[in-house]
C-alpha atoms as a PDB file:
ATOM      1  CA  MET A   1      57.643-118.283  38.426  1.00  0.00           C
ATOM      2  CA  ASN A   2      56.158-121.147  40.749  1.00  0.00           C
ATOM      3  CA  GLU A   3      53.561-122.676  38.036  1.00  0.00           C
ATOM      4  CA  THR A   4      56.168-123.008  35.447  1.00  0.00           C
ATOM      5  CA  VAL A   5      57.196-126.662  34.381  1.00  0.00           C
ATOM      6  CA  THR A   6      60.853-126.865  34.789  1.00  0.00           C
ATOM      7  CA  ASP A   7      62.914-128.404  31.459  1.00  0.00           C
ATOM      8  CA  SER A   8      65.612-129.807  33.861  1.00  0.00           C
ATOM      9  CA  ALA A   9      65.376-133.447  36.023  1.00  0.00           C
ATOM     10  CA  PRO A  10      67.688-135.811  37.385  1.00  0.00           C
ATOM     11  CA  ASP A  11      70.010-137.450  35.208  1.00  0.00           C
ATOM     12  CA  PRO A  12      68.066-141.012  34.005  1.00  0.00           C
ATOM     13  CA  ALA A  13      70.244-144.001  33.569  1.00  0.00           C
ATOM     14  CA  PRO A  14      72.036-143.796  30.300  1.00  0.00           C
ATOM     15  CA  ASP A  15      71.202-146.358  27.876  1.00  0.00           C
ATOM     16  CA  SER A  16      73.726-148.272  24.976  1.00  0.00           C
ATOM     17  CA  ALA A  17      75.193-145.544  22.293  1.00  0.00           C
ATOM     18  CA  PRO A  18      73.956-146.106  18.801  1.00  0.00           C
ATOM     19  CA  ASP A  19      75.933-148.450  16.396  1.00  0.00           C
ATOM     20  CA  SER A  20      75.202-147.553  13.328  1.00  0.00           C
ATOM     21  CA  ALA A  21      74.036-144.566  11.158  1.00  0.00           C
ATOM     22  CA  SER A  22      69.975-146.105  11.208  1.00  0.00           C
ATOM     23  CA  ASP A  23      70.310-146.349  14.919  1.00  0.00           C
ATOM     24  CA  ASN A  24      71.550-142.867  15.369  1.00  0.00           C
ATOM     25  CA  ASP A  25      68.799-141.748  12.854  1.00  0.00           C
ATOM     26  CA  SER A  26      65.991-143.267  14.950  1.00  0.00           C
ATOM     27  CA  SER A  27      67.918-141.956  18.292  1.00  0.00           C
ATOM     28  CA  ARG A  28      67.045-138.269  16.370  1.00  0.00           C
ATOM     29  CA  GLU A  29      63.991-139.248  15.467  1.00  0.00           C
ATOM     30  CA  ALA A  30      63.028-140.152  18.684  1.00  0.00           C
ATOM     31  CA  ARG A  31      64.274-137.336  20.361  1.00  0.00           C
ATOM     32  CA  ALA A  32      62.919-134.690  17.901  1.00  0.00           C
ATOM     33  CA  ALA A  33      59.626-136.815  19.051  1.00  0.00           C
ATOM     34  CA  LEU A  34      60.067-136.154  22.410  1.00  0.00           C
ATOM     35  CA  PHE A  35      60.945-132.275  22.331  1.00  0.00           C
ATOM     36  CA  ARG A  36      57.856-132.254  19.958  1.00  0.00           C
ATOM     37  CA  ALA A  37      55.612-134.518  22.821  1.00  0.00           C
ATOM     38  CA  HIS A  38      56.837-131.591  25.729  1.00  0.00           C
ATOM     39  CA  ALA A  39      56.045-128.866  23.564  1.00  0.00           C
ATOM     40  CA  THR A  40      52.632-130.231  22.892  1.00  0.00           C
ATOM     41  CA  ALA A  41      51.981-130.809  26.286  1.00  0.00           C
ATOM     42  CA  ARG A  42      53.163-127.400  26.965  1.00  0.00           C
ATOM     43  CA  PHE A  43      50.919-125.408  24.213  1.00  0.00           C
ATOM     44  CA  ARG A  44      48.091-127.588  25.494  1.00  0.00           C
ATOM     45  CA  LEU A  45      48.964-126.669  29.254  1.00  0.00           C
ATOM     46  CA  ASP A  46      49.355-130.382  30.355  1.00  0.00           C
ATOM     47  CA  THR A  47      51.718-129.495  32.952  1.00  0.00           C
ATOM     48  CA  ALA A  48      51.788-133.399  34.640  1.00  0.00           C
ATOM     49  CA  GLU A  49      52.651-134.480  31.287  1.00  0.00           C
ATOM     50  CA  ALA A  50      55.196-131.636  30.528  1.00  0.00           C
ATOM     51  CA  ALA A  51      57.330-132.703  33.734  1.00  0.00           C
ATOM     52  CA  ARG A  52      57.162-136.249  32.807  1.00  0.00           C
ATOM     53  CA  LEU A  53      58.124-135.861  29.793  1.00  0.00           C
ATOM     54  CA  ALA A  54      61.255-133.276  30.892  1.00  0.00           C
ATOM     55  CA  ALA A  55      62.157-136.037  33.328  1.00  0.00           C
ATOM     56  CA  THR A  56      62.638-137.842  30.460  1.00  0.00           C
ATOM     57  CA  LEU A  57      65.662-135.858  28.792  1.00  0.00           C
ATOM     58  CA  ARG A  58      68.489-137.270  28.761  1.00  0.00           C
ATOM     59  CA  PRO A  59      71.712-134.549  30.026  1.00  0.00           C
ATOM     60  CA  GLU A  60      72.958-135.150  26.358  1.00  0.00           C
ATOM     61  CA  HIS A  61      69.764-134.069  25.030  1.00  0.00           C
ATOM     62  CA  ARG A  62      69.493-131.105  26.919  1.00  0.00           C
ATOM     63  CA  MET A  63      71.035-128.411  24.518  1.00  0.00           C
ATOM     64  CA  GLY A  64      69.293-129.790  21.596  1.00  0.00           C
ATOM     65  CA  HIS A  65      66.012-129.542  23.625  1.00  0.00           C
ATOM     66  CA  LEU A  66      66.694-125.781  24.548  1.00  0.00           C
ATOM     67  CA  LEU A  67      68.027-124.576  20.817  1.00  0.00           C
ATOM     68  CA  PHE A  68      64.588-126.203  19.775  1.00  0.00           C
ATOM     69  CA  GLN A  69      62.554-124.151  22.685  1.00  0.00           C
ATOM     70  CA  VAL A  70      64.262-121.065  20.998  1.00  0.00           C
ATOM     71  CA  CYS A  71      63.937-121.908  17.314  1.00  0.00           C
ATOM     72  CA  LEU A  72      60.083-122.616  18.480  1.00  0.00           C
ATOM     73  CA  PHE A  73      60.018-119.498  20.532  1.00  0.00           C
ATOM     74  CA  ALA A  74      61.791-117.305  17.581  1.00  0.00           C
ATOM     75  CA  GLN A  75      59.417-119.007  15.230  1.00  0.00           C
ATOM     76  CA  VAL A  76      56.338-118.297  17.618  1.00  0.00           C
ATOM     77  CA  VAL A  77      57.809-114.398  17.643  1.00  0.00           C
ATOM     78  CA  PHE A  78      58.058-113.926  14.078  1.00  0.00           C
ATOM     79  CA  ASP A  79      54.908-115.545  13.304  1.00  0.00           C
ATOM     80  CA  GLU A  80      53.340-113.032  15.442  1.00  0.00           C
ATOM     81  CA  TYR A  81      55.246-109.690  15.394  1.00  0.00           C
ATOM     82  CA  GLY A  82      57.594-110.216  12.462  1.00  0.00           C
ATOM     83  CA  THR A  83      61.181-109.141  13.223  1.00  0.00           C
ATOM     84  CA  ALA A  84      60.195-105.611  14.100  1.00  0.00           C
ATOM     85  CA  PRO A  85      57.640-105.668  17.028  1.00  0.00           C
ATOM     86  CA  ASP A  86      55.695-102.562  17.397  1.00  0.00           C
ATOM     87  CA  PRO A  87      56.208-101.525  21.117  1.00  0.00           C
ATOM     88  CA  GLY A  88      52.800-100.997  21.812  1.00  0.00           C
ATOM     89  CA  ASP A  89      51.628-104.159  21.091  1.00  0.00           C
ATOM     90  CA  LEU A  90      54.989-105.353  23.399  1.00  0.00           C
ATOM     91  CA  ALA A  91      53.479-103.073  26.038  1.00  0.00           C
ATOM     92  CA  GLU A  92      49.956-104.963  25.348  1.00  0.00           C
ATOM     93  CA  LEU A  93      51.769-108.351  25.747  1.00  0.00           C
ATOM     94  CA  THR A  94      53.773-107.180  28.550  1.00  0.00           C
ATOM     95  CA  GLU A  95      50.902-106.041  30.470  1.00  0.00           C
ATOM     96  CA  THR A  96      48.936-109.206  30.130  1.00  0.00           C
ATOM     97  CA  LEU A  97      51.440-111.277  31.297  1.00  0.00           C
ATOM     98  CA  HIS A  98      52.089-109.072  34.378  1.00  0.00           C
ATOM     99  CA  ARG A  99      48.495-109.338  35.277  1.00  0.00           C
ATOM    100  CA  LYS A 100      47.847-112.943  34.324  1.00  0.00           C
ATOM    101  CA  HIS A 101      51.015-114.031  36.054  1.00  0.00           C
ATOM    102  CA  TYR A 102      52.248-111.610  39.072  1.00  0.00           C
ATOM    103  CA  PRO A 103      49.260-112.281  41.163  1.00  0.00           C
ATOM    104  CA  LYS A 104      49.948-115.925  41.522  1.00  0.00           C
ATOM    105  CA  ASP A 105      53.987-115.486  41.382  1.00  0.00           C
ATOM    106  CA  ARG A 106      55.737-112.591  42.745  1.00  0.00           C
ATOM    107  CA  ASN A 107      59.044-113.872  41.199  1.00  0.00           C
ATOM    108  CA  PHE A 108      57.096-113.346  37.563  1.00  0.00           C
ATOM    109  CA  THR A 109      58.477-110.160  35.885  1.00  0.00           C
ATOM    110  CA  ALA A 110      56.709-109.639  32.768  1.00  0.00           C
ATOM    111  CA  ILE A 111      59.459-106.815  31.341  1.00  0.00           C
ATOM    112  CA  LYS A 112      61.704-110.140  30.737  1.00  0.00           C
ATOM    113  CA  ALA A 113      59.086-111.629  28.865  1.00  0.00           C
ATOM    114  CA  GLU A 114      59.536-108.972  26.906  1.00  0.00           C
ATOM    115  CA  ALA A 115      62.945-108.720  26.930  1.00  0.00           C
ATOM    116  CA  MET A 116      63.162-112.206  25.410  1.00  0.00           C
ATOM    117  CA  ILE A 117      60.959-111.406  22.713  1.00  0.00           C
ATOM    118  CA  ARG A 118      62.858-108.395  21.653  1.00  0.00           C
ATOM    119  CA  ALA A 119      66.162-110.587  22.333  1.00  0.00           C
ATOM    120  CA  VAL A 120      65.018-112.852  19.299  1.00  0.00           C
ATOM    121  CA  CYS A 121      64.150-109.785  17.332  1.00  0.00           C
ATOM    122  CA  ASP A 122      67.924-108.597  17.363  1.00  0.00           C
ATOM    123  CA  GLU A 123      68.382-107.078  20.466  1.00  0.00           C
ATOM    124  CA  SER A 124      70.196-110.100  21.861  1.00  0.00           C
ATOM    125  CA  LEU A 125      72.254-108.800  24.353  1.00  0.00           C
ATOM    126  CA  LEU A 126      68.938-108.256  26.132  1.00  0.00           C
ATOM    127  CA  LEU A 127      69.416-112.222  26.834  1.00  0.00           C
ATOM    128  CA  THR A 128      72.353-111.217  29.529  1.00  0.00           C
ATOM    129  CA  GLU A 129      69.678-109.648  31.963  1.00  0.00           C
ATOM    130  CA  ILE A 130      68.214-113.164  32.571  1.00  0.00           C
ATOM    131  CA  PRO A 131      69.099-115.569  34.124  1.00  0.00           C
ATOM    132  CA  GLN A 132      69.593-118.354  32.032  1.00  0.00           C
ATOM    133  CA  ALA A 133      67.529-120.847  33.932  1.00  0.00           C
ATOM    134  CA  GLU A 134      64.877-118.353  33.942  1.00  0.00           C
ATOM    135  CA  GLN A 135      64.665-118.101  30.290  1.00  0.00           C
ATOM    136  CA  PRO A 136      62.237-121.645  29.554  1.00  0.00           C
ATOM    137  CA  GLY A 137      59.909-120.270  31.726  1.00  0.00           C
ATOM    138  CA  TYR A 138      59.788-116.770  30.110  1.00  0.00           C
ATOM    139  CA  MET A 139      59.746-118.147  26.715  1.00  0.00           C
ATOM    140  CA  TRP A 140      57.006-120.748  27.629  1.00  0.00           C
ATOM    141  CA  ALA A 141      54.594-117.820  29.483  1.00  0.00           C
ATOM    142  CA  VAL A 142      54.977-115.761  25.678  1.00  0.00           C
ATOM    143  CA  MET A 143      54.291-118.400  23.957  1.00  0.00           C
ATOM    144  CA  ASN A 144      51.090-119.792  25.613  1.00  0.00           C
ATOM    145  CA  GLU A 145      49.972-116.225  25.623  1.00  0.00           C
ATOM    146  CA  LEU A 146      50.415-116.240  21.705  1.00  0.00           C
ATOM    147  CA  VAL A 147      49.581-119.790  20.676  1.00  0.00           C
ATOM    148  CA  ARG A 148      45.750-120.680  21.717  1.00  0.00           C
ATOM    149  CA  PRO A 149      45.779-124.328  23.835  1.00  0.00           C
ATOM    150  CA  ASP A 150      43.304-125.787  21.464  1.00  0.00           C
ATOM    151  CA  ALA A 151      45.524-125.065  18.307  1.00  0.00           C
ATOM    152  CA  THR A 152      45.140-128.233  16.171  1.00  0.00           C
ATOM    153  CA  ASP A 153      47.712-131.044  16.309  1.00  0.00           C
ATOM    154  CA  ALA A 154      48.331-129.900  12.288  1.00  0.00           C
ATOM    155  CA  ASP A 155      48.699-126.033  13.429  1.00  0.00           C
ATOM    156  CA  LEU A 156      51.727-127.534  16.289  1.00  0.00           C
ATOM    157  CA  ALA A 157      52.829-129.928  13.173  1.00  0.00           C
ATOM    158  CA  GLU A 158      53.735-127.130  11.112  1.00  0.00           C
ATOM    159  CA  ARG A 159      55.274-124.746  13.873  1.00  0.00           C
ATOM    160  CA  PHE A 160      57.374-127.523  15.026  1.00  0.00           C
ATOM    161  CA  GLU A 161      58.623-128.253  11.121  1.00  0.00           C
ATOM    162  CA  VAL A 162      59.717-124.746  10.741  1.00  0.00           C
ATOM    163  CA  ALA A 163      61.363-124.495  14.301  1.00  0.00           C
ATOM    164  CA  GLU A 164      63.494-127.365  13.336  1.00  0.00           C
ATOM    165  CA  GLU A 165      64.173-126.225   9.911  1.00  0.00           C
ATOM    166  CA  VAL A 166      65.356-122.541  10.683  1.00  0.00           C
ATOM    167  CA  GLY A 167      67.499-124.303  13.808  1.00  0.00           C
ATOM    168  CA  PRO A 168      70.518-124.651  11.766  1.00  0.00           C
ATOM    169  CA  ASP A 169      70.218-121.135  10.154  1.00  0.00           C
ATOM    170  CA  LEU A 170      69.467-119.611  13.268  1.00  0.00           C
ATOM    171  CA  LEU A 171      72.749-121.356  15.038  1.00  0.00           C
ATOM    172  CA  LYS A 172      74.935-120.643  12.109  1.00  0.00           C
ATOM    173  CA  GLN A 173      73.736-116.539  12.035  1.00  0.00           C
ATOM    174  CA  ALA A 174      74.329-116.676  15.939  1.00  0.00           C
ATOM    175  CA  PHE A 175      77.824-117.895  15.307  1.00  0.00           C
ATOM    176  CA  GLU A 176      78.744-115.895  12.878  1.00  0.00           C
ATOM    177  CA  GLN A 177      77.488-112.677  14.923  1.00  0.00           C
ATOM    178  CA  THR A 178      79.396-113.615  17.937  1.00  0.00           C
ATOM    179  CA  ILE A 179      82.186-116.194  17.498  1.00  0.00           C
ATOM    180  CA  ALA A 180      83.023-115.679  14.105  1.00  0.00           C
ATOM    181  CA  ALA A 181      82.273-112.032  13.631  1.00  0.00           C
ATOM    182  CA  PRO A 182      85.282-109.705  13.377  1.00  0.00           C
ATOM    183  CA  VAL A 183      85.977-107.619  16.287  1.00  0.00           C
ATOM    184  CA  LYS A 184      85.480-103.820  15.828  1.00  0.00           C
ATOM    185  CA  GLU A 185      87.809-101.057  16.853  1.00  0.00           C
ATOM    186  CA  ALA A 186      86.921 -99.118  19.575  1.00  0.00           C
ATOM    187  CA  SER A 187      86.516 -95.059  18.220  1.00  0.00           C
ATOM    188  CA  ALA A 188      88.553 -92.994  19.257  1.00  0.00           C
END
């Protein structure tokens, strides 16, 4: 996926750790602003700005950034398809993504983009079929297809707020369905 902006970058020099609750809050707000600015650049198809912002992500913020992207992706998917996408709609999107991306990038596999959608719609096992390093590229291919680049700042801000609000619930649900879930006995 050559044209995809990567969300990893060399580690920047560390700065001092926050020394008070207000510093921690301002640091959290600065991180949220960076994540939103990066997503805005991606939605606006500004690859240079997206790459510049990605390069400023500190190593300790990468997990938070990935989780923000996953929550944003889930929010976009749920807005478009609900929690149970119609197979015909998915097939149409998959074909559109194939036509748009495959001629330029022979490594792009549109079915992986479809699998990302299905993964957030209760088929999470499909995530194991897509290398983690490829997942953000497929998420952004889908989001860029479903959200117009001329979406208003207010529309994007609303999407970001929803993604930030559902993030903790999504993490709790994922934790409960995986790590904290009771082990099922194999049937004989």
